[in-house]
Amino acid sequence: MILIALTIFNFMALFNSKKRKMTGKMTYQATIWPIEKKLMAYMKERALDFTIVQRMVNDLGDGIIFVADPKNRKAAVAMANDMLTFSYDELEDAERYYDLEGKKTVAAYVVLTVNGTMYRYDIATKRFNPKGLVGKVLYDTTEEFYSKAHAILEENKKGEGKS
């Protein structure tokens, strides 16, 4: 009798797990798709080819997409209601920040400085354990976004040395 109850419980857990994954994937796609659509239209209008792409959804459910076209030296960061576009030369700085409270991280974000204006992109706005599963995903996402933006700065420095 206990074995039957345990088997039924395992099947229910498996079914619910698959259902949650499918719901999460559909939510992710519904969040990212409108932003991608906007970026694709922008790319076609300007004859760009965004070969560098990073899709992110922060802990508030906001989609953020970072794209870059190394050949034409153009980049963009898009969200549902906002899009920042810039040439590589206009990017002045890229920094990532982690606000800590004891052993917990209370915020993780990337700040891009373009033409003297700072733009903040929040990846995590709620407390998280940086060693936990969710914390590692948020940390990795922040680091990846930062490293792609920072690579543009490094490329700019190399270009300055050739002049």
Foldseek 3Di string as FASTA:
>chain_A
DVVVVVVVVVVVVVVVVVVVVVVVVVLLCVQCVLFVVVVVVVCVVVVADFPDWDWAQAPVRWIWMWTAGVVQQKIWIDTNVDIDIDGLVQWDDKDWDFPDDVQKTQWIWMWIAGNNDIDIDTRYHGIDHCPDPVNVVSVVSSVVVRVVNVVSVVVVVVVVVVD
